[in-house]
Amino acid sequence: MITKCLFPVAGYGTRFLPATKAMPKEMLPIVDKPLVQYGVEEAVEAGLCEIGFVTGRGKRAIEDHFDTNYELEHQIQGSGKEVLLDGIRGLINRSTFSYTRQTSMKGLGHAILTGRTVIGDYPFGVVLADDLCFGDGIGVLEQMVNLYQRFKCSIVAIEEVPASETHKYGVIAGDAIEDGLYDITDMVEKPAPEEAPSNLAIIGRYILTPDIFDILESTPPGRGGEVQITDALKTQAKNGRVLAYKFKGRRFDCGGISGFVDATNYYYNRFFACEADDKIVSIKNSAK
């Protein structure tokens, strides 16, 4: 069973400056919840209730969010506003939260290696909160956990992207073993379109086996002078097996303004619009 999930959240969020000058990008709200809460909800729904964060300077708000705010809760006690905290209270009650700090930004591979202290020798999920995913029926991470129970190996989530955008992603080549599932034969980090082995791009959901830590320790810096998880996974695939899964659902790149706005509109129209007016009226009546 997989029970652990790692959230690398130490990045600076420079694409959202100046909003992220003093606020973590993971705390930017999609309608009524911060990005990182959606990711934790997805992990907990998949049974991964031991949450680990790899944080950095200026990320204290994330720790505070997944904690009890006694002053706030006392202030709204007995009012209709209490119900607005039900979701985060449920997450806090169902989960444990651990934190370790990445003292220098040396790539996603380095961030995951830094998380070894909170993961230990266990298989684990990785969620990049920038990638907001809405699963089809069940969450993307739960889809991947179900696959892990069958294959017991590392799995990366993939989606098709335009050839012109391969330079933004790790891109895989692989042999199809069933519909939407590939045995990886090659991986390239951010290739130019003419160098990409396919248009199947890795997005921010992973299931990793614990041997990835030893591989990362011996993985030299790659593209951009950073330790790339793609390079480590390529080694793992060569020595064993790594699968790529074309997930069922929809993903938004909320690390950029365009994707963030698209995700906000999608979430509001799909999940919130029908209830928003009633909720506002209820709160106003309770506050009178």
Protein backbone atom coordinates (compact mmCIF):
# COMPACT_ATOMS: atom_id res chain seq x y z
CA MET A 1 0.00 0.00 0.00
CA ILE A 2 1.14 3.52 -0.75
CA THR A 3 0.39 5.96 2.07
CA LYS A 4 2.93 8.75 1.48
CA CYS A 5 2.88 11.70 -0.89
CA LEU A 6 5.57 14.32 -1.44
CA PHE A 7 4.90 17.94 -2.44
CA PRO A 8 7.95 19.87 -3.70
CA VAL A 9 6.91 23.47 -2.94
CA ALA A 10 10.20 25.33 -2.59
CA GLY A 11 10.08 27.15 -5.96
CA TYR A 12 9.89 30.93 -6.21
CA GLY A 13 6.92 31.21 -8.55
CA THR A 14 8.60 33.89 -10.65
CA ARG A 15 6.00 33.69 -13.43
CA PHE A 16 3.50 35.24 -11.00
CA LEU A 17 5.58 38.13 -9.72
CA PRO A 18 4.83 40.45 -8.03
CA ALA A 19 1.95 38.42 -6.52
CA THR A 20 4.40 35.76 -5.31
CA LYS A 21 6.96 38.16 -3.88
CA ALA A 22 5.64 37.53 -0.36
CA MET A 23 3.10 34.73 -0.92
CA PRO A 24 3.83 31.14 -2.01
CA LYS A 25 2.56 30.42 -5.51
CA GLU A 26 0.98 27.26 -4.11
CA MET A 27 -1.32 29.43 -2.01
CA LEU A 28 -2.80 31.25 -5.01
CA PRO A 29 -6.55 30.53 -4.93
CA ILE A 30 -8.57 28.75 -7.57
CA VAL A 31 -11.96 30.26 -6.62
CA ASP A 32 -12.20 29.35 -2.92
CA LYS A 33 -9.19 27.12 -2.20
CA PRO A 34 -5.42 27.46 -2.67
CA LEU A 35 -3.75 25.35 -5.34
CA VAL A 36 -1.92 23.18 -2.85
CA GLN A 37 -5.15 22.16 -1.11
CA TYR A 38 -6.49 20.67 -4.34
CA GLY A 39 -3.35 18.57 -4.58
CA VAL A 40 -3.58 17.37 -0.98
CA GLU A 41 -7.25 16.51 -1.47
CA GLU A 42 -6.33 14.45 -4.53
CA ALA A 43 -3.64 12.61 -2.57
CA VAL A 44 -5.89 11.89 0.42
CA GLU A 45 -8.70 10.64 -1.84
CA ALA A 46 -6.14 8.17 -3.26
CA GLY A 47 -5.32 6.93 0.25
CA LEU A 48 -2.06 8.87 0.57
CA CYS A 49 -2.64 10.51 3.94
CA GLU A 50 0.99 10.95 5.06
CA ILE A 51 1.82 14.26 3.40
CA GLY A 52 5.39 15.54 3.15
CA PHE A 53 6.37 19.01 1.97
CA VAL A 54 9.77 20.06 0.65
CA THR A 55 9.62 23.76 1.45
CA GLY A 56 11.88 26.79 1.19
CA ARG A 57 12.15 30.32 2.44
CA GLY A 58 8.89 32.25 2.46
CA LYS A 59 6.64 29.15 2.51
CA ARG A 60 5.36 29.44 6.07
CA ALA A 61 1.81 30.11 4.83
CA ILE A 62 1.57 26.51 3.59
CA GLU A 63 2.31 25.16 7.06
CA ASP A 64 -0.17 27.56 8.61
CA HIS A 65 -2.87 26.55 6.13
CA PHE A 66 -2.68 22.89 7.16
CA ASP A 67 -2.97 23.72 10.84
CA THR A 68 -5.71 24.92 13.19
CA ASN A 69 -6.20 28.68 13.43
CA TYR A 70 -7.72 29.00 16.89
CA GLU A 71 -8.27 32.76 16.73
CA LEU A 72 -10.11 32.58 13.41
CA GLU A 73 -12.21 29.59 14.43
CA HIS A 74 -13.16 31.27 17.69
CA GLN A 75 -14.13 34.43 15.83
CA ILE A 76 -16.54 32.63 13.44
CA GLN A 77 -17.80 30.05 15.93
CA GLY A 78 -21.58 29.77 15.82
CA SER A 79 -21.89 31.62 12.53
CA GLY A 80 -22.74 30.28 9.09
CA LYS A 81 -19.13 30.83 8.09
CA GLU A 82 -17.96 27.77 10.02
CA VAL A 83 -19.03 25.50 7.18
CA LEU A 84 -16.46 27.16 4.91
CA LEU A 85 -13.69 25.48 6.93
CA ASP A 86 -15.18 21.97 6.77
CA GLY A 87 -13.00 20.91 3.85
CA ILE A 88 -9.67 21.94 5.34
CA ARG A 89 -10.65 20.63 8.78
CA GLY A 90 -11.40 17.27 7.21
CA LEU A 91 -7.99 17.17 5.54
CA ILE A 92 -6.22 18.05 8.78
CA ASN A 93 -8.09 15.34 10.69
CA ARG A 94 -7.43 12.65 8.07
CA SER A 95 -3.77 13.43 7.38
CA THR A 96 -0.36 13.93 8.92
CA PHE A 97 1.96 16.67 7.67
CA SER A 98 5.75 16.71 7.71
CA TYR A 99 8.13 19.37 6.44
CA THR A 100 11.73 19.56 5.35
CA ARG A 101 13.55 22.44 3.70
CA GLN A 102 15.35 22.57 0.36
CA THR A 103 18.10 25.08 1.06
CA SER A 104 19.09 25.58 -2.58
CA MET A 105 17.13 25.21 -5.80
CA LYS A 106 18.89 22.47 -7.78
CA GLY A 107 16.01 21.00 -9.75
CA LEU A 108 13.03 18.73 -9.19
CA GLY A 109 15.25 15.69 -8.78
CA HIS A 110 17.13 17.41 -5.97
CA ALA A 111 13.84 18.47 -4.35
CA ILE A 112 12.58 14.88 -4.38
CA LEU A 113 15.90 13.64 -2.97
CA THR A 114 15.59 16.23 -0.19
CA GLY A 115 12.24 14.64 0.68
CA ARG A 116 13.90 11.32 1.50
CA THR A 117 13.96 12.26 5.17
CA VAL A 118 10.14 12.42 5.31
CA ILE A 119 9.47 9.47 2.98
CA GLY A 120 11.92 6.82 4.12
CA ASP A 121 12.15 3.45 2.37
CA TYR A 122 8.61 3.35 1.00
CA PRO A 123 6.92 3.86 -2.36
CA PHE A 124 5.34 7.30 -2.60
CA GLY A 125 3.43 9.72 -4.74
CA VAL A 126 4.67 13.08 -5.94
CA VAL A 127 2.33 15.97 -6.72
CA LEU A 128 3.40 19.22 -8.32
CA ALA A 129 0.72 21.63 -7.15
CA ASP A 130 1.23 23.81 -10.25
CA ASP A 131 -0.49 21.08 -12.24
CA LEU A 132 -4.13 21.13 -11.21
CA CYS A 133 -5.82 17.92 -12.31
CA PHE A 134 -9.48 16.99 -12.41
CA GLY A 135 -9.86 13.24 -12.85
CA ASP A 136 -12.52 11.54 -14.90
CA GLY A 137 -14.54 9.63 -12.31
CA ILE A 138 -11.63 9.26 -9.88
CA GLY A 139 -8.61 11.46 -9.28
CA VAL A 140 -5.46 11.14 -11.37
CA LEU A 141 -3.35 10.01 -8.42
CA GLU A 142 -5.90 7.35 -7.49
CA GLN A 143 -5.82 6.08 -11.07
CA MET A 144 -2.04 5.76 -10.76
CA VAL A 145 -2.17 4.09 -7.35
CA ASN A 146 -4.48 1.45 -8.82
CA LEU A 147 -1.91 0.82 -11.54
CA TYR A 148 0.87 0.58 -8.98
CA GLN A 149 -1.00 -2.17 -7.19
CA ARG A 150 -0.79 -4.17 -10.43
CA PHE A 151 2.73 -3.42 -11.62
CA LYS A 152 4.72 -2.42 -8.49
CA CYS A 153 7.00 -0.01 -10.34
CA SER A 154 7.45 3.72 -10.84
CA ILE A 155 4.75 5.41 -12.93
CA VAL A 156 4.62 8.88 -14.49
CA ALA A 157 1.48 10.63 -15.73
CA ILE A 158 1.59 11.83 -19.32
CA GLU A 159 -0.55 13.74 -21.78
CA GLU A 160 -0.24 14.61 -25.45
CA VAL A 161 1.03 18.13 -26.11
CA PRO A 162 1.57 20.08 -29.35
CA ALA A 163 4.99 19.41 -30.87
CA SER A 164 5.81 23.10 -30.46
CA GLU A 165 5.57 22.73 -26.65
CA THR A 166 7.83 19.72 -26.05
CA HIS A 167 10.60 22.07 -24.88
CA LYS A 168 8.55 22.73 -21.71
CA TYR A 169 8.37 19.09 -20.54
CA GLY A 170 10.10 15.81 -20.05
CA VAL A 171 9.05 13.69 -23.03
CA ILE A 172 8.90 9.90 -23.20
CA ALA A 173 9.19 7.20 -25.80
CA GLY A 174 7.70 3.81 -25.03
CA ASP A 175 5.99 0.64 -26.11
CA ALA A 176 2.23 0.48 -25.58
CA ILE A 177 1.29 -2.45 -23.34
CA GLU A 178 -2.39 -1.59 -23.11
CA ASP A 179 -4.62 1.36 -23.91
CA GLY A 180 -3.02 4.50 -22.51
CA LEU A 181 -0.16 2.67 -20.78
CA TYR A 182 3.44 2.58 -22.02
CA ASP A 183 6.62 0.77 -21.05
CA ILE A 184 9.17 3.59 -21.17
CA THR A 185 12.21 3.07 -23.40
CA ASP A 186 13.56 6.63 -23.42
CA MET A 187 13.04 10.00 -21.75
CA VAL A 188 14.34 13.41 -22.78
CA GLU A 189 14.16 16.56 -20.67
CA LYS A 190 12.71 19.57 -22.51
CA PRO A 191 13.68 18.58 -26.06
CA ALA A 192 13.31 20.82 -29.07
CA PRO A 193 10.46 19.65 -31.34
CA GLU A 194 12.87 18.09 -33.83
CA GLU A 195 14.61 16.15 -31.03
CA ALA A 196 11.51 14.97 -29.14
CA PRO A 197 10.97 11.20 -29.23
CA SER A 198 7.16 11.72 -29.15
CA ASN A 199 4.58 14.29 -28.06
CA LEU A 200 3.85 12.43 -24.80
CA ALA A 201 4.82 14.82 -22.04
CA ILE A 202 5.27 14.09 -18.34
CA ILE A 203 3.05 16.17 -16.06
CA GLY A 204 3.19 16.72 -12.32
CA ARG A 205 2.00 13.35 -11.00
CA TYR A 206 4.36 10.49 -10.15
CA ILE A 207 4.38 7.22 -8.26
CA LEU A 208 7.98 6.40 -7.33
CA THR A 209 9.62 3.37 -5.77
CA PRO A 210 12.16 4.14 -3.03
CA ASP A 211 15.20 3.03 -5.04
CA ILE A 212 14.80 6.33 -6.91
CA PHE A 213 16.61 8.03 -4.00
CA ASP A 214 19.83 6.07 -4.53
CA ILE A 215 19.60 6.75 -8.26
CA LEU A 216 19.13 10.47 -7.64
CA GLU A 217 22.16 10.56 -5.37
CA SER A 218 24.35 9.38 -8.24
CA THR A 219 22.60 11.38 -10.98
CA PRO A 220 24.78 14.29 -12.17
CA PRO A 221 23.29 17.68 -12.97
CA GLY A 222 21.60 17.66 -16.35
CA ARG A 223 19.76 20.25 -18.40
CA GLY A 224 20.06 23.73 -16.89
CA GLY A 225 22.68 22.48 -14.42
CA GLU A 226 19.93 20.92 -12.28
CA VAL A 227 19.35 17.38 -11.04
CA GLN A 228 16.53 16.19 -13.28
CA ILE A 229 14.03 13.55 -12.14
CA THR A 230 13.71 12.65 -15.84
CA ASP A 231 17.37 11.54 -15.94
CA ALA A 232 16.92 9.42 -12.81
CA LEU A 233 13.76 7.81 -14.16
CA LYS A 234 15.54 7.03 -17.43
CA THR A 235 18.18 5.15 -15.42
CA GLN A 236 15.48 3.38 -13.44
CA ALA A 237 13.71 2.35 -16.64
CA LYS A 238 16.96 1.01 -18.08
CA ASN A 239 17.70 -1.05 -14.97
CA GLY A 240 14.12 -2.18 -14.32
CA ARG A 241 10.80 -0.73 -15.36
CA VAL A 242 9.01 2.63 -15.45
CA LEU A 243 5.51 3.04 -16.88
CA ALA A 244 3.89 6.10 -18.43
CA TYR A 245 0.15 6.51 -18.02
CA LYS A 246 -2.08 8.70 -20.15
CA PHE A 247 -4.46 9.69 -17.38
CA LYS A 248 -8.20 10.13 -17.69
CA GLY A 249 -9.17 13.68 -16.87
CA ARG A 250 -8.07 17.24 -17.45
CA ARG A 251 -4.97 19.09 -16.37
CA PHE A 252 -4.24 22.81 -16.12
CA ASP A 253 -0.77 24.35 -15.93
CA CYS A 254 -1.38 26.82 -13.12
CA GLY A 255 2.26 27.84 -13.01
CA GLY A 256 1.43 30.40 -15.69
CA ILE A 257 -1.22 33.08 -15.86
CA SER A 258 -3.12 31.67 -18.84
CA GLY A 259 -3.49 28.19 -17.32
CA PHE A 260 -4.37 29.67 -13.95
CA VAL A 261 -7.21 31.72 -15.44
CA ASP A 262 -8.45 28.73 -17.47
CA ALA A 263 -8.47 26.56 -14.35
CA THR A 264 -10.36 29.20 -12.37
CA ASN A 265 -13.05 29.48 -15.04
CA TYR A 266 -13.30 25.69 -15.44
CA TYR A 267 -13.63 25.05 -11.72
CA TYR A 268 -16.14 27.82 -11.18
CA ASN A 269 -18.36 26.78 -14.08
CA ARG A 270 -18.21 23.06 -13.32
CA PHE A 271 -18.26 22.87 -9.54
CA PHE A 272 -19.17 26.22 -8.05
CA ALA A 273 -21.54 28.33 -10.14
CA CYS A 274 -24.72 26.45 -9.24
CA GLU A 275 -24.04 26.75 -5.52
CA ALA A 276 -22.29 30.11 -5.31
CA ASP A 277 -25.34 32.35 -5.11
CA ASP A 278 -27.08 30.16 -2.53
CA LYS A 279 -23.94 29.97 -0.44
CA ILE A 280 -23.47 33.76 -0.44
CA VAL A 281 -27.11 34.33 0.51
CA SER A 282 -26.83 31.77 3.33
CA ILE A 283 -23.69 33.40 4.72
CA LYS A 284 -25.20 36.88 4.59
CA ASN A 285 -28.37 35.71 6.36
CA SER A 286 -26.35 33.96 9.06
CA ALA A 287 -24.20 36.99 9.63
CA LYS A 288 -27.16 39.30 10.26
